[in-house]
Amino acid sequence: MYHLNCKGTLLCIDTPIIMGIINATPDSFYATSTATQVATAVNRAKEMVAAGAIIIDIGGQSTKPNATPIGENEEMERVLPIVTAIHAALPETILSIDTYYASVALEATKLGASIVNDVSAGNIDGAMLSTVAKLQTPYICMHMQGTPATMQSQTAHQDVVNDVLQFFISKIALCKELGIKDVIVDVGFGFGKTIEQNYTLLQHLKTFTMLDKPILTGISRKSMIYKALQCTPEKALNGTSALHMAALLNGASILRVHDVKEAAEVVTLYNLLTANK
């Protein structure tokens, strides 16, 4: 069981929970998930919460392979109105801001976000970790080699499981030193890994439970699924559900998903499967 202090709201994770994705970017790898208009984003967030999402993750920066980065001001223009509107419509719902810019994290938390989700683990913006420490929000720390623009050319690993584990041991120690109390780890499926390395990490996900931190998995409709099945992100829901169950059986606490209803069904079946374990 994990307890996260989300700006005064205590999030208790005693069973796996769902994080729903709101993409406030026009160039997401999964176009159907795009919600660049405030009203669309609010309606989608309401639907996700009704379907079982505990956290809504809002991002304005595409992090798909070879993505062209946008600046922090443009990212704020995309996400801040949506954070404001969703917080007003769903004040009891925990919101996460998906950004690698400290300034975006700072402004979004003023408007209602209470978790910072950083795909770069503080490696893109050197001010991120100290900013999160001041904000005292939970911090989702993800492993990535390079940047979204370069990561798929940086997939070399001596031993992908050990490399990622050592990365987290170092980052968690740094977070603790700076005063970040609640860290969530994300091994970064698809971020600087080959398809084979992604599956190796999934097979050995339980290894990361030794860190004694909640494990978030972001595998929803990713290329490790649709390329393996020779389909498209739009056709990858069945494969996503299969791997969500694998992730839960291997220690995941949070599923970051596009399809909340289906992921919640996986969690329900997982809870029944493990009830008397």
C-alpha atoms as a PDB file:
ATOM      1  CA  MET A   1       0.000   0.000   0.000  1.00  0.00           C
ATOM      2  CA  TYR A   2       1.246   3.480  -0.864  1.00  0.00           C
ATOM      3  CA  HIS A   3       0.120   6.891   0.377  1.00  0.00           C
ATOM      4  CA  LEU A   4       0.760   9.992  -1.726  1.00  0.00           C
ATOM      5  CA  ASN A   5       0.220  13.537  -0.489  1.00  0.00           C
ATOM      6  CA  CYS A   6      -1.362  15.372  -3.425  1.00  0.00           C
ATOM      7  CA  LYS A   7      -1.365  18.934  -2.084  1.00  0.00           C
ATOM      8  CA  GLY A   8      -3.311  17.953   1.011  1.00  0.00           C
ATOM      9  CA  THR A   9      -5.379  15.186  -0.556  1.00  0.00           C
ATOM     10  CA  LEU A  10      -4.136  11.764   0.523  1.00  0.00           C
ATOM     11  CA  LEU A  11      -4.142   9.267  -2.325  1.00  0.00           C
ATOM     12  CA  CYS A  12      -4.133   5.728  -0.943  1.00  0.00           C
ATOM     13  CA  ILE A  13      -3.055   3.059  -3.438  1.00  0.00           C
ATOM     14  CA  ASP A  14      -4.066  -0.262  -1.918  1.00  0.00           C
ATOM     15  CA  THR A  15      -5.261  -1.648  -5.242  1.00  0.00           C
ATOM     16  CA  PRO A  16      -4.126  -0.661  -8.758  1.00  0.00           C
ATOM     17  CA  ILE A  17      -5.512   2.638 -10.014  1.00  0.00           C
ATOM     18  CA  ILE A  18      -6.118   4.222 -13.414  1.00  0.00           C
ATOM     19  CA  MET A  19      -4.630   7.446 -14.779  1.00  0.00           C
ATOM     20  CA  GLY A  20      -6.534   8.788 -17.801  1.00  0.00           C
ATOM     21  CA  ILE A  21      -4.651  10.651 -20.539  1.00  0.00           C
ATOM     22  CA  ILE A  22      -5.722  14.064 -21.862  1.00  0.00           C
ATOM     23  CA  ASN A  23      -3.522  15.041 -24.838  1.00  0.00           C
ATOM     24  CA  ALA A  24      -3.702  18.797 -25.409  1.00  0.00           C
ATOM     25  CA  THR A  25      -1.422  18.449 -28.412  1.00  0.00           C
ATOM     26  CA  PRO A  26      -2.368  18.127 -32.095  1.00  0.00           C
ATOM     27  CA  ASP A  27       0.420  15.640 -32.864  1.00  0.00           C
ATOM     28  CA  SER A  28      -0.147  12.729 -30.498  1.00  0.00           C
ATOM     29  CA  PHE A  29       0.869   9.309 -31.857  1.00  0.00           C
ATOM     30  CA  TYR A  30      -2.739   8.245 -31.185  1.00  0.00           C
ATOM     31  CA  ALA A  31      -4.822  10.936 -32.871  1.00  0.00           C
ATOM     32  CA  THR A  32      -8.096   9.823 -31.267  1.00  0.00           C
ATOM     33  CA  SER A  33      -6.780  10.872 -27.845  1.00  0.00           C
ATOM     34  CA  THR A  34      -6.274  14.497 -28.879  1.00  0.00           C
ATOM     35  CA  ALA A  35      -8.285  17.073 -26.930  1.00  0.00           C
ATOM     36  CA  THR A  36      -6.970  20.526 -27.750  1.00  0.00           C
ATOM     37  CA  GLN A  37     -10.258  22.349 -27.038  1.00  0.00           C
ATOM     38  CA  VAL A  38     -11.153  23.079 -23.426  1.00  0.00           C
ATOM     39  CA  ALA A  39     -14.732  21.808 -23.690  1.00  0.00           C
ATOM     40  CA  THR A  40     -13.593  18.569 -25.330  1.00  0.00           C
ATOM     41  CA  ALA A  41     -10.973  18.011 -22.649  1.00  0.00           C
ATOM     42  CA  VAL A  42     -13.446  18.643 -19.822  1.00  0.00           C
ATOM     43  CA  ASN A  43     -16.011  16.254 -21.300  1.00  0.00           C
ATOM     44  CA  ARG A  44     -13.359  13.594 -21.812  1.00  0.00           C
ATOM     45  CA  ALA A  45     -12.122  14.012 -18.242  1.00  0.00           C
ATOM     46  CA  LYS A  46     -15.679  13.637 -16.929  1.00  0.00           C
ATOM     47  CA  GLU A  47     -16.132  10.459 -18.969  1.00  0.00           C
ATOM     48  CA  MET A  48     -12.834   9.079 -17.673  1.00  0.00           C
ATOM     49  CA  VAL A  49     -13.683   9.761 -14.043  1.00  0.00           C
ATOM     50  CA  ALA A  50     -17.109   8.182 -14.486  1.00  0.00           C
ATOM     51  CA  ALA A  51     -15.389   5.115 -15.979  1.00  0.00           C
ATOM     52  CA  GLY A  52     -13.025   4.763 -13.045  1.00  0.00           C
ATOM     53  CA  ALA A  53     -10.032   7.075 -13.488  1.00  0.00           C
ATOM     54  CA  ILE A  54      -8.540   8.275 -10.207  1.00  0.00           C
ATOM     55  CA  ILE A  55      -5.989  10.618 -11.818  1.00  0.00           C
ATOM     56  CA  ILE A  56      -6.270  12.716 -14.985  1.00  0.00           C
ATOM     57  CA  ASP A  57      -2.916  13.387 -16.683  1.00  0.00           C
ATOM     58  CA  ILE A  58      -2.828  16.532 -18.841  1.00  0.00           C
ATOM     59  CA  GLY A  59      -0.025  17.173 -21.300  1.00  0.00           C
ATOM     60  CA  GLY A  60       0.609  19.609 -24.128  1.00  0.00           C
ATOM     61  CA  GLN A  61       3.907  18.316 -25.458  1.00  0.00           C
ATOM     62  CA  SER A  62       4.113  15.353 -27.839  1.00  0.00           C
ATOM     63  CA  THR A  63       6.738  12.877 -26.641  1.00  0.00           C
ATOM     64  CA  LYS A  64       6.350  10.384 -29.475  1.00  0.00           C
ATOM     65  CA  PRO A  65       9.587   9.326 -31.236  1.00  0.00           C
ATOM     66  CA  ASN A  66      11.131  12.158 -33.290  1.00  0.00           C
ATOM     67  CA  ALA A  67       8.663  14.677 -31.879  1.00  0.00           C
ATOM     68  CA  THR A  68       9.524  18.334 -32.412  1.00  0.00           C
ATOM     69  CA  PRO A  69       9.572  20.036 -28.993  1.00  0.00           C
ATOM     70  CA  ILE A  70       7.598  23.195 -28.305  1.00  0.00           C
ATOM     71  CA  GLY A  71       8.643  25.912 -25.878  1.00  0.00           C
ATOM     72  CA  GLU A  72       7.327  26.308 -22.376  1.00  0.00           C
ATOM     73  CA  ASN A  73       5.167  29.330 -23.226  1.00  0.00           C
ATOM     74  CA  GLU A  74       3.358  27.493 -26.016  1.00  0.00           C
ATOM     75  CA  GLU A  75       2.940  24.480 -23.773  1.00  0.00           C
ATOM     76  CA  MET A  76       1.381  26.682 -21.082  1.00  0.00           C
ATOM     77  CA  GLU A  77      -1.049  28.134 -23.624  1.00  0.00           C
ATOM     78  CA  ARG A  78      -2.168  24.596 -24.421  1.00  0.00           C
ATOM     79  CA  VAL A  79      -2.451  23.104 -20.950  1.00  0.00           C
ATOM     80  CA  LEU A  80      -3.206  25.824 -18.408  1.00  0.00           C
ATOM     81  CA  PRO A  81      -6.756  26.605 -19.600  1.00  0.00           C
ATOM     82  CA  ILE A  82      -7.491  22.872 -19.624  1.00  0.00           C
ATOM     83  CA  VAL A  83      -6.068  22.316 -16.135  1.00  0.00           C
ATOM     84  CA  THR A  84      -8.128  25.259 -14.867  1.00  0.00           C
ATOM     85  CA  ALA A  85     -11.354  24.045 -16.485  1.00  0.00           C
ATOM     86  CA  ILE A  86     -11.020  20.398 -15.453  1.00  0.00           C
ATOM     87  CA  HIS A  87     -10.177  21.385 -11.880  1.00  0.00           C
ATOM     88  CA  ALA A  88     -13.266  23.610 -11.793  1.00  0.00           C
ATOM     89  CA  ALA A  89     -15.487  20.861 -13.225  1.00  0.00           C
ATOM     90  CA  LEU A  90     -13.979  18.029 -11.152  1.00  0.00           C
ATOM     91  CA  PRO A  91     -12.539  19.638  -8.009  1.00  0.00           C
ATOM     92  CA  GLU A  92     -12.203  16.313  -6.156  1.00  0.00           C
ATOM     93  CA  THR A  93     -10.255  14.633  -8.959  1.00  0.00           C
ATOM     94  CA  ILE A  94      -6.463  14.470  -8.756  1.00  0.00           C
ATOM     95  CA  LEU A  95      -4.818  16.131 -11.750  1.00  0.00           C
ATOM     96  CA  SER A  96      -1.323  15.432 -13.020  1.00  0.00           C
ATOM     97  CA  ILE A  97       0.640  17.772 -15.277  1.00  0.00           C
ATOM     98  CA  ASP A  98       2.699  15.940 -17.895  1.00  0.00           C
ATOM     99  CA  THR A  99       5.655  18.230 -18.603  1.00  0.00           C
ATOM    100  CA  TYR A 100       9.435  18.394 -18.489  1.00  0.00           C
ATOM    101  CA  TYR A 101       9.444  22.166 -17.943  1.00  0.00           C
ATOM    102  CA  ALA A 102       9.666  23.376 -14.338  1.00  0.00           C
ATOM    103  CA  SER A 103       7.800  26.588 -15.200  1.00  0.00           C
ATOM    104  CA  VAL A 104       4.840  24.647 -16.626  1.00  0.00           C
ATOM    105  CA  ALA A 105       4.754  22.419 -13.552  1.00  0.00           C
ATOM    106  CA  LEU A 106       4.798  25.477 -11.299  1.00  0.00           C
ATOM    107  CA  GLU A 107       1.956  27.278 -13.080  1.00  0.00           C
ATOM    108  CA  ALA A 108      -0.189  24.149 -13.500  1.00  0.00           C
ATOM    109  CA  THR A 109       0.000  23.334  -9.792  1.00  0.00           C
ATOM    110  CA  LYS A 110      -1.212  26.826  -8.986  1.00  0.00           C
ATOM    111  CA  LEU A 111      -4.319  26.088 -11.068  1.00  0.00           C
ATOM    112  CA  GLY A 112      -5.204  22.664  -9.715  1.00  0.00           C
ATOM    113  CA  ALA A 113      -2.635  20.036 -10.686  1.00  0.00           C
ATOM    114  CA  SER A 114      -1.204  18.141  -7.727  1.00  0.00           C
ATOM    115  CA  ILE A 115       1.176  15.615  -9.365  1.00  0.00           C
ATOM    116  CA  VAL A 116       4.095  16.325 -11.720  1.00  0.00           C
ATOM    117  CA  ASN A 117       4.754  13.743 -14.441  1.00  0.00           C
ATOM    118  CA  ASP A 118       8.174  14.290 -16.050  1.00  0.00           C
ATOM    119  CA  VAL A 119       9.307  11.977 -18.864  1.00  0.00           C
ATOM    120  CA  SER A 120      12.860  13.318 -18.536  1.00  0.00           C
ATOM    121  CA  ALA A 121      13.295  12.741 -14.770  1.00  0.00           C
ATOM    122  CA  GLY A 122      14.719  16.246 -14.489  1.00  0.00           C
ATOM    123  CA  ASN A 123      17.308  15.746 -17.242  1.00  0.00           C
ATOM    124  CA  ILE A 124      15.840  18.278 -19.707  1.00  0.00           C
ATOM    125  CA  ASP A 125      15.130  21.155 -17.299  1.00  0.00           C
ATOM    126  CA  GLY A 126      17.678  21.378 -14.504  1.00  0.00           C
ATOM    127  CA  ALA A 127      15.220  23.362 -12.370  1.00  0.00           C
ATOM    128  CA  MET A 128      12.567  20.625 -12.340  1.00  0.00           C
ATOM    129  CA  LEU A 129      13.616  18.608  -9.286  1.00  0.00           C
ATOM    130  CA  SER A 130      14.163  21.637  -7.044  1.00  0.00           C
ATOM    131  CA  THR A 131      10.820  23.059  -8.222  1.00  0.00           C
ATOM    132  CA  VAL A 132       8.960  19.835  -7.371  1.00  0.00           C
ATOM    133  CA  ALA A 133      10.687  19.775  -3.988  1.00  0.00           C
ATOM    134  CA  LYS A 134       9.298  23.269  -3.282  1.00  0.00           C
ATOM    135  CA  LEU A 135       5.856  22.316  -4.564  1.00  0.00           C
ATOM    136  CA  GLN A 136       5.819  19.161  -2.404  1.00  0.00           C
ATOM    137  CA  THR A 137       3.784  17.243  -4.978  1.00  0.00           C
ATOM    138  CA  PRO A 138       4.279  13.602  -5.888  1.00  0.00           C
ATOM    139  CA  TYR A 139       6.761  13.243  -8.750  1.00  0.00           C
ATOM    140  CA  ILE A 140       6.513  10.692 -11.548  1.00  0.00           C
ATOM    141  CA  CYS A 141      10.110   9.994 -12.509  1.00  0.00           C
ATOM    142  CA  MET A 142      10.489   8.261 -15.876  1.00  0.00           C
ATOM    143  CA  HIS A 143      13.514   6.632 -17.480  1.00  0.00           C
ATOM    144  CA  MET A 144      14.407   7.861 -20.957  1.00  0.00           C
ATOM    145  CA  GLN A 145      17.651   7.898 -22.904  1.00  0.00           C
ATOM    146  CA  GLY A 146      18.138  11.137 -24.839  1.00  0.00           C
ATOM    147  CA  THR A 147      15.078  13.232 -25.654  1.00  0.00           C
ATOM    148  CA  PRO A 148      11.870  12.347 -27.535  1.00  0.00           C
ATOM    149  CA  ALA A 149      13.546  13.687 -30.687  1.00  0.00           C
ATOM    150  CA  THR A 150      16.602  11.421 -30.295  1.00  0.00           C
ATOM    151  CA  MET A 151      15.588   8.564 -28.001  1.00  0.00           C
ATOM    152  CA  GLN A 152      15.027   5.883 -30.640  1.00  0.00           C
ATOM    153  CA  SER A 153      18.613   6.270 -31.814  1.00  0.00           C
ATOM    154  CA  GLN A 154      19.794   5.772 -28.212  1.00  0.00           C
ATOM    155  CA  THR A 155      18.643   2.260 -27.373  1.00  0.00           C
ATOM    156  CA  ALA A 156      22.011   0.754 -26.373  1.00  0.00           C
ATOM    157  CA  HIS A 157      21.881  -0.975 -22.982  1.00  0.00           C
ATOM    158  CA  GLN A 158      24.369  -3.269 -21.291  1.00  0.00           C
ATOM    159  CA  ASP A 159      21.505  -4.871 -19.372  1.00  0.00           C
ATOM    160  CA  VAL A 160      18.266  -2.926 -19.761  1.00  0.00           C
ATOM    161  CA  VAL A 161      16.731  -4.052 -16.449  1.00  0.00           C
ATOM    162  CA  ASN A 162      19.844  -3.331 -14.402  1.00  0.00           C
ATOM    163  CA  ASP A 163      20.545  -0.084 -16.259  1.00  0.00           C
ATOM    164  CA  VAL A 164      17.051   1.242 -15.534  1.00  0.00           C
ATOM    165  CA  LEU A 165      17.167  -0.007 -11.941  1.00  0.00           C
ATOM    166  CA  GLN A 166      20.480   1.756 -11.260  1.00  0.00           C
ATOM    167  CA  PHE A 167      19.065   4.914 -12.844  1.00  0.00           C
ATOM    168  CA  PHE A 168      16.167   4.876 -10.393  1.00  0.00           C
ATOM    169  CA  ILE A 169      18.330   4.130  -7.370  1.00  0.00           C
ATOM    170  CA  SER A 170      20.354   7.241  -8.225  1.00  0.00           C
ATOM    171  CA  LYS A 171      17.352   9.451  -9.038  1.00  0.00           C
ATOM    172  CA  ILE A 172      15.374   8.435  -5.951  1.00  0.00           C
ATOM    173  CA  ALA A 173      18.379   9.231  -3.770  1.00  0.00           C
ATOM    174  CA  LEU A 174      18.666  12.660  -5.412  1.00  0.00           C
ATOM    175  CA  CYS A 175      14.946  13.317  -4.979  1.00  0.00           C
ATOM    176  CA  LYS A 176      15.194  12.406  -1.301  1.00  0.00           C
ATOM    177  CA  GLU A 177      18.205  14.663  -0.857  1.00  0.00           C
ATOM    178  CA  LEU A 178      16.312  17.580  -2.392  1.00  0.00           C
ATOM    179  CA  GLY A 179      13.217  16.946  -0.272  1.00  0.00           C
ATOM    180  CA  ILE A 180      10.828  15.235  -2.718  1.00  0.00           C
ATOM    181  CA  LYS A 181       8.878  12.877  -0.484  1.00  0.00           C
ATOM    182  CA  ASP A 182       6.627  10.963  -2.915  1.00  0.00           C
ATOM    183  CA  VAL A 183       8.267   9.448  -5.997  1.00  0.00           C
ATOM    184  CA  ILE A 184       6.481   7.241  -8.546  1.00  0.00           C
ATOM    185  CA  VAL A 185       8.677   5.288 -10.965  1.00  0.00           C
ATOM    186  CA  ASP A 186       7.970   4.725 -14.661  1.00  0.00           C
ATOM    187  CA  VAL A 187      10.426   2.515 -16.577  1.00  0.00           C
ATOM    188  CA  GLY A 188       9.604   4.403 -19.772  1.00  0.00           C
ATOM    189  CA  PHE A 189       8.252   1.848 -22.194  1.00  0.00           C
ATOM    190  CA  GLY A 190       9.117   3.037 -25.704  1.00  0.00           C
ATOM    191  CA  PHE A 191      11.490   5.777 -24.554  1.00  0.00           C
ATOM    192  CA  GLY A 192      14.956   4.828 -25.770  1.00  0.00           C
ATOM    193  CA  LYS A 193      14.224   1.097 -25.894  1.00  0.00           C
ATOM    194  CA  THR A 194      13.785  -1.453 -28.631  1.00  0.00           C
ATOM    195  CA  ILE A 195      10.605  -3.541 -28.753  1.00  0.00           C
ATOM    196  CA  GLU A 196      12.564  -6.468 -27.314  1.00  0.00           C
ATOM    197  CA  GLN A 197      13.889  -4.312 -24.457  1.00  0.00           C
ATOM    198  CA  ASN A 198      10.353  -3.144 -23.684  1.00  0.00           C
ATOM    199  CA  TYR A 199       9.219  -6.750 -23.268  1.00  0.00           C
ATOM    200  CA  THR A 200      12.262  -7.591 -21.163  1.00  0.00           C
ATOM    201  CA  LEU A 201      11.361  -4.718 -18.835  1.00  0.00           C
ATOM    202  CA  LEU A 202       7.753  -5.869 -18.655  1.00  0.00           C
ATOM    203  CA  GLN A 203       8.825  -9.444 -17.879  1.00  0.00           C
ATOM    204  CA  HIS A 204      11.051  -8.167 -15.065  1.00  0.00           C
ATOM    205  CA  LEU A 205       8.872  -5.290 -13.839  1.00  0.00           C
ATOM    206  CA  LYS A 206       8.614  -6.931 -10.424  1.00  0.00           C
ATOM    207  CA  THR A 207      12.339  -6.219  -9.981  1.00  0.00           C
ATOM    208  CA  PHE A 208      11.471  -2.556  -9.516  1.00  0.00           C
ATOM    209  CA  THR A 209       9.243  -3.268  -6.523  1.00  0.00           C
ATOM    210  CA  MET A 210      12.480  -3.392  -4.493  1.00  0.00           C
ATOM    211  CA  LEU A 211      12.531   0.409  -4.790  1.00  0.00           C
ATOM    212  CA  ASP A 212       9.418   0.502  -2.560  1.00  0.00           C
ATOM    213  CA  LYS A 213       7.763   3.096  -4.795  1.00  0.00           C
ATOM    214  CA  PRO A 214       4.535   2.911  -6.797  1.00  0.00           C
ATOM    215  CA  ILE A 215       5.214   1.705 -10.340  1.00  0.00           C
ATOM    216  CA  LEU A 216       3.390   3.460 -13.168  1.00  0.00           C
ATOM    217  CA  THR A 217       3.200   1.804 -16.584  1.00  0.00           C
ATOM    218  CA  GLY A 218       2.502   3.718 -19.772  1.00  0.00           C
ATOM    219  CA  ILE A 219       2.039   1.101 -22.481  1.00  0.00           C
ATOM    220  CA  SER A 220      -1.366   2.111 -23.824  1.00  0.00           C
ATOM    221  CA  ARG A 221      -1.549   1.595 -27.622  1.00  0.00           C
ATOM    222  CA  LYS A 222       2.249   1.987 -27.981  1.00  0.00           C
ATOM    223  CA  SER A 223       4.433   0.653 -30.772  1.00  0.00           C
ATOM    224  CA  MET A 224       5.555  -2.304 -28.652  1.00  0.00           C
ATOM    225  CA  ILE A 225       1.967  -3.461 -29.137  1.00  0.00           C
ATOM    226  CA  TYR A 226       0.884  -2.275 -32.570  1.00  0.00           C
ATOM    227  CA  LYS A 227       4.169  -3.081 -34.313  1.00  0.00           C
ATOM    228  CA  ALA A 228       4.231  -6.538 -32.756  1.00  0.00           C
ATOM    229  CA  LEU A 229       0.643  -7.108 -33.912  1.00  0.00           C
ATOM    230  CA  GLN A 230       1.244  -5.438 -37.289  1.00  0.00           C
ATOM    231  CA  CYS A 231      -1.613  -3.015 -36.795  1.00  0.00           C
ATOM    232  CA  THR A 232      -2.062   0.659 -35.867  1.00  0.00           C
ATOM    233  CA  PRO A 233      -2.536   2.462 -32.541  1.00  0.00           C
ATOM    234  CA  GLU A 234      -6.258   2.620 -33.347  1.00  0.00           C
ATOM    235  CA  LYS A 235      -6.395  -1.199 -33.496  1.00  0.00           C
ATOM    236  CA  ALA A 236      -4.200  -1.848 -30.455  1.00  0.00           C
ATOM    237  CA  LEU A 237      -6.770  -1.872 -27.617  1.00  0.00           C
ATOM    238  CA  ASN A 238      -6.959  -5.649 -27.245  1.00  0.00           C
ATOM    239  CA  GLY A 239      -3.176  -5.920 -27.082  1.00  0.00           C
ATOM    240  CA  THR A 240      -3.083  -3.042 -24.601  1.00  0.00           C
ATOM    241  CA  SER A 241      -5.500  -4.839 -22.268  1.00  0.00           C
ATOM    242  CA  ALA A 242      -3.421  -8.021 -22.460  1.00  0.00           C
ATOM    243  CA  LEU A 243      -0.262  -6.172 -21.466  1.00  0.00           C
ATOM    244  CA  HIS A 244      -2.059  -4.218 -18.752  1.00  0.00           C
ATOM    245  CA  MET A 245      -2.832  -7.518 -17.037  1.00  0.00           C
ATOM    246  CA  ALA A 246       0.792  -8.574 -17.435  1.00  0.00           C
ATOM    247  CA  ALA A 247       1.920  -5.275 -15.895  1.00  0.00           C
ATOM    248  CA  LEU A 248      -0.409  -5.668 -12.909  1.00  0.00           C
ATOM    249  CA  LEU A 249       0.720  -9.246 -12.310  1.00  0.00           C
ATOM    250  CA  ASN A 250       4.301  -7.977 -12.348  1.00  0.00           C
ATOM    251  CA  GLY A 251       3.822  -5.220  -9.781  1.00  0.00           C
ATOM    252  CA  ALA A 252       2.336  -2.147 -11.479  1.00  0.00           C
ATOM    253  CA  SER A 253       0.292   0.139  -9.224  1.00  0.00           C
ATOM    254  CA  ILE A 254      -0.854   2.760 -11.756  1.00  0.00           C
ATOM    255  CA  LEU A 255      -1.951   2.220 -15.358  1.00  0.00           C
ATOM    256  CA  ARG A 256      -1.662   5.329 -17.545  1.00  0.00           C
ATOM    257  CA  VAL A 257      -4.228   4.775 -20.280  1.00  0.00           C
ATOM    258  CA  HIS A 258      -6.245   6.190 -23.154  1.00  0.00           C
ATOM    259  CA  ASP A 259      -9.146   3.785 -22.563  1.00  0.00           C
ATOM    260  CA  VAL A 260     -10.270   4.006 -18.946  1.00  0.00           C
ATOM    261  CA  LYS A 261     -13.300   1.704 -19.044  1.00  0.00           C
ATOM    262  CA  GLU A 262     -11.328  -1.198 -20.515  1.00  0.00           C
ATOM    263  CA  ALA A 263      -8.387  -0.662 -18.161  1.00  0.00           C
ATOM    264  CA  ALA A 264     -10.746  -0.558 -15.168  1.00  0.00           C
ATOM    265  CA  GLU A 265     -12.162  -3.905 -16.280  1.00  0.00           C
ATOM    266  CA  VAL A 266      -8.629  -5.334 -16.306  1.00  0.00           C
ATOM    267  CA  VAL A 267      -8.100  -4.052 -12.764  1.00  0.00           C
ATOM    268  CA  THR A 268     -11.398  -5.610 -11.621  1.00  0.00           C
ATOM    269  CA  LEU A 269     -10.393  -8.995 -13.036  1.00  0.00           C
ATOM    270  CA  TYR A 270      -6.890  -8.671 -11.611  1.00  0.00           C
ATOM    271  CA  ASN A 271      -8.332  -8.000  -8.141  1.00  0.00           C
ATOM    272  CA  LEU A 272     -10.511 -11.120  -8.412  1.00  0.00           C
ATOM    273  CA  LEU A 273      -7.579 -13.168  -9.692  1.00  0.00           C
ATOM    274  CA  THR A 274      -5.358 -12.158  -6.773  1.00  0.00           C
ATOM    275  CA  ALA A 275      -7.990 -11.858  -4.018  1.00  0.00           C
ATOM    276  CA  ASN A 276      -6.915 -14.946  -2.077  1.00  0.00           C
ATOM    277  CA  LYS A 277      -3.301 -14.967  -3.101  1.00  0.00           C
END
